[in-house]
Amino acid sequence: MNQITGVHADVAWKSAGKRINAVHAWAQRAHPTPLAGL
């Protein structure tokens, strides 16, 4: 994998991680008990 592709993948991965964390935080507020273990 070339350097440009690697950087792009890293940025995309971090962006996806932030989105997942935001959804997870919302889900815990909305449904704290069932999702507490995720």
PDB file of N, CA and C in Angstrom:
ATOM      1  N   MET A   1       0.855  -1.195   0.000  1.00  0.00           N
ATOM      2  CA  MET A   1       0.000   0.000   0.000  1.00  0.00           C
ATOM      3  C   MET A   1       0.880   1.231   0.000  1.00  0.00           C
ATOM      4  N   ASN A   2       0.559   2.172  -0.871  1.00  0.00           N
ATOM      5  CA  ASN A   2       1.400   3.359  -0.930  1.00  0.00           C
ATOM      6  C   ASN A   2       1.053   4.322   0.194  1.00  0.00           C
ATOM      7  N   GLN A   3       1.875   5.331   0.380  1.00  0.00           N
ATOM      8  CA  GLN A   3       1.740   6.225   1.531  1.00  0.00           C
ATOM      9  C   GLN A   3       0.431   7.010   1.490  1.00  0.00           C
ATOM     10  N   ILE A   4       0.047   7.477   0.297  1.00  0.00           N
ATOM     11  CA  ILE A   4      -1.175   8.274   0.187  1.00  0.00           C
ATOM     12  C   ILE A   4      -2.388   7.425   0.578  1.00  0.00           C
ATOM     13  N   THR A   5      -2.446   6.205   0.075  1.00  0.00           N
ATOM     14  CA  THR A   5      -3.561   5.321   0.407  1.00  0.00           C
ATOM     15  C   THR A   5      -3.572   5.035   1.902  1.00  0.00           C
ATOM     16  N   GLY A   6      -2.401   4.845   2.478  1.00  0.00           N
ATOM     17  CA  GLY A   6      -2.312   4.578   3.913  1.00  0.00           C
ATOM     18  C   GLY A   6      -2.843   5.741   4.739  1.00  0.00           C
ATOM     19  N   VAL A   7      -2.472   6.951   4.359  1.00  0.00           N
ATOM     20  CA  VAL A   7      -2.957   8.128   5.084  1.00  0.00           C
ATOM     21  C   VAL A   7      -4.467   8.249   4.929  1.00  0.00           C
ATOM     22  N   HIS A   8      -4.961   8.041   3.727  1.00  0.00           N
ATOM     23  CA  HIS A   8      -6.400   8.146   3.484  1.00  0.00           C
ATOM     24  C   HIS A   8      -7.156   7.111   4.317  1.00  0.00           C
ATOM     25  N   ALA A   9      -6.655   5.893   4.362  1.00  0.00           N
ATOM     26  CA  ALA A   9      -7.310   4.846   5.134  1.00  0.00           C
ATOM     27  C   ALA A   9      -7.294   5.188   6.623  1.00  0.00           C
ATOM     28  N   ASP A  10      -6.179   5.757   7.107  1.00  0.00           N
ATOM     29  CA  ASP A  10      -6.075   6.123   8.512  1.00  0.00           C
ATOM     30  C   ASP A  10      -7.086   7.212   8.856  1.00  0.00           C
ATOM     31  N   VAL A  11      -7.210   8.211   7.985  1.00  0.00           N
ATOM     32  CA  VAL A  11      -8.182   9.283   8.220  1.00  0.00           C
ATOM     33  C   VAL A  11      -9.604   8.729   8.200  1.00  0.00           C
ATOM     34  N   ALA A  12      -9.889   7.856   7.231  1.00  0.00           N
ATOM     35  CA  ALA A  12     -11.229   7.271   7.135  1.00  0.00           C
ATOM     36  C   ALA A  12     -11.539   6.433   8.375  1.00  0.00           C
ATOM     37  N   TRP A  13     -10.548   5.674   8.850  1.00  0.00           N
ATOM     38  CA  TRP A  13     -10.738   4.838  10.034  1.00  0.00           C
ATOM     39  C   TRP A  13     -11.021   5.695  11.261  1.00  0.00           C
ATOM     40  N   LYS A  14     -10.245   6.777  11.435  1.00  0.00           N
ATOM     41  CA  LYS A  14     -10.471   7.665  12.583  1.00  0.00           C
ATOM     42  C   LYS A  14     -11.835   8.336  12.490  1.00  0.00           C
ATOM     43  N   SER A  15     -12.220   8.742  11.276  1.00  0.00           N
ATOM     44  CA  SER A  15     -13.529   9.378  11.083  1.00  0.00           C
ATOM     45  C   SER A  15     -14.646   8.402  11.439  1.00  0.00           C
ATOM     46  N   ALA A  16     -14.514   7.165  10.987  1.00  0.00           N
ATOM     47  CA  ALA A  16     -15.511   6.147  11.308  1.00  0.00           C
ATOM     48  C   ALA A  16     -15.544   5.891  12.811  1.00  0.00           C
ATOM     49  N   GLY A  17     -14.376   5.877  13.439  1.00  0.00           N
ATOM     50  CA  GLY A  17     -14.311   5.658  14.877  1.00  0.00           C
ATOM     51  C   GLY A  17     -15.036   6.749  15.654  1.00  0.00           C
ATOM     52  N   LYS A  18     -14.858   7.995  15.233  1.00  0.00           N
ATOM     53  CA  LYS A  18     -15.556   9.099  15.894  1.00  0.00           C
ATOM     54  C   LYS A  18     -17.065   8.952  15.736  1.00  0.00           C
ATOM     55  N   ARG A  19     -17.497   8.538  14.541  1.00  0.00           N
ATOM     56  CA  ARG A  19     -18.921   8.375  14.284  1.00  0.00           C
ATOM     57  C   ARG A  19     -19.482   7.253  15.160  1.00  0.00           C
ATOM     58  N   ILE A  20     -18.759   6.128  15.234  1.00  0.00           N
ATOM     59  CA  ILE A  20     -19.198   5.006  16.058  1.00  0.00           C
ATOM     60  C   ILE A  20     -19.270   5.425  17.529  1.00  0.00           C
ATOM     61  N   ASN A  21     -18.250   6.157  17.993  1.00  0.00           N
ATOM     62  CA  ASN A  21     -18.252   6.605  19.384  1.00  0.00           C
ATOM     63  C   ASN A  21     -19.441   7.522  19.666  1.00  0.00           C
ATOM     64  N   ALA A  22     -19.763   8.393  18.719  1.00  0.00           N
ATOM     65  CA  ALA A  22     -20.896   9.303  18.904  1.00  0.00           C
ATOM     66  C   ALA A  22     -22.207   8.529  18.978  1.00  0.00           C
ATOM     67  N   VAL A  23     -22.372   7.558  18.086  1.00  0.00           N
ATOM     68  CA  VAL A  23     -23.583   6.731  18.095  1.00  0.00           C
ATOM     69  C   VAL A  23     -23.654   5.922  19.387  1.00  0.00           C
ATOM     70  N   HIS A  24     -22.528   5.374  19.812  1.00  0.00           N
ATOM     71  CA  HIS A  24     -22.473   4.582  21.034  1.00  0.00           C
ATOM     72  C   HIS A  24     -22.846   5.434  22.244  1.00  0.00           C
ATOM     73  N   ALA A  25     -22.318   6.663  22.304  1.00  0.00           N
ATOM     74  CA  ALA A  25     -22.635   7.552  23.420  1.00  0.00           C
ATOM     75  C   ALA A  25     -24.126   7.894  23.424  1.00  0.00           C
ATOM     76  N   TRP A  26     -24.690   8.164  22.240  1.00  0.00           N
ATOM     77  CA  TRP A  26     -26.129   8.442  22.146  1.00  0.00           C
ATOM     78  C   TRP A  26     -26.928   7.223  22.587  1.00  0.00           C
ATOM     79  N   ALA A  27     -26.501   6.048  22.131  1.00  0.00           N
ATOM     80  CA  ALA A  27     -27.232   4.818  22.452  1.00  0.00           C
ATOM     81  C   ALA A  27     -27.211   4.548  23.959  1.00  0.00           C
ATOM     82  N   GLN A  28     -26.092   4.825  24.608  1.00  0.00           N
ATOM     83  CA  GLN A  28     -26.021   4.626  26.056  1.00  0.00           C
ATOM     84  C   GLN A  28     -26.957   5.574  26.790  1.00  0.00           C
ATOM     85  N   ARG A  29     -27.074   6.803  26.294  1.00  0.00           N
ATOM     86  CA  ARG A  29     -28.012   7.748  26.914  1.00  0.00           C
ATOM     87  C   ARG A  29     -29.455   7.307  26.683  1.00  0.00           C
ATOM     88  N   ALA A  30     -29.718   6.817  25.475  1.00  0.00           N
ATOM     89  CA  ALA A  30     -31.082   6.452  25.118  1.00  0.00           C
ATOM     90  C   ALA A  30     -31.511   5.135  25.778  1.00  0.00           C
ATOM     91  N   HIS A  31     -30.568   4.178  25.852  1.00  0.00           N
ATOM     92  CA  HIS A  31     -30.867   2.845  26.368  1.00  0.00           C
ATOM     93  C   HIS A  31     -29.699   2.361  27.232  1.00  0.00           C
ATOM     94  N   PRO A  32     -29.523   2.926  28.419  1.00  0.00           N
ATOM     95  CA  PRO A  32     -28.296   2.655  29.173  1.00  0.00           C
ATOM     96  C   PRO A  32     -28.106   1.195  29.553  1.00  0.00           C
ATOM     97  N   THR A  33     -29.162   0.490  29.919  1.00  0.00           N
ATOM     98  CA  THR A  33     -28.962  -0.864  30.421  1.00  0.00           C
ATOM     99  C   THR A  33     -28.589  -1.876  29.337  1.00  0.00           C
ATOM    100  N   PRO A  34     -29.360  -2.002  28.242  1.00  0.00           N
ATOM    101  CA  PRO A  34     -29.046  -3.049  27.261  1.00  0.00           C
ATOM    102  C   PRO A  34     -27.713  -2.861  26.553  1.00  0.00           C
ATOM    103  N   LEU A  35     -27.261  -1.599  26.404  1.00  0.00           N
ATOM    104  CA  LEU A  35     -26.053  -1.356  25.630  1.00  0.00           C
ATOM    105  C   LEU A  35     -24.834  -1.096  26.511  1.00  0.00           C
ATOM    106  N   ALA A  36     -24.981  -1.266  27.818  1.00  0.00           N
ATOM    107  CA  ALA A  36     -23.881  -0.931  28.725  1.00  0.00           C
ATOM    108  C   ALA A  36     -22.644  -1.778  28.451  1.00  0.00           C
ATOM    109  N   GLY A  37     -22.823  -3.001  27.953  1.00  0.00           N
ATOM    110  CA  GLY A  37     -21.695  -3.892  27.754  1.00  0.00           C
ATOM    111  C   GLY A  37     -20.994  -3.721  26.418  1.00  0.00           C
ATOM    112  N   LEU A  38     -21.523  -2.872  25.528  1.00  0.00           N
ATOM    113  CA  LEU A  38     -20.904  -2.732  24.211  1.00  0.00           C
ATOM    114  C   LEU A  38     -19.637  -1.897  24.279  1.00  0.00           C
TER     115      LEU A  38
END
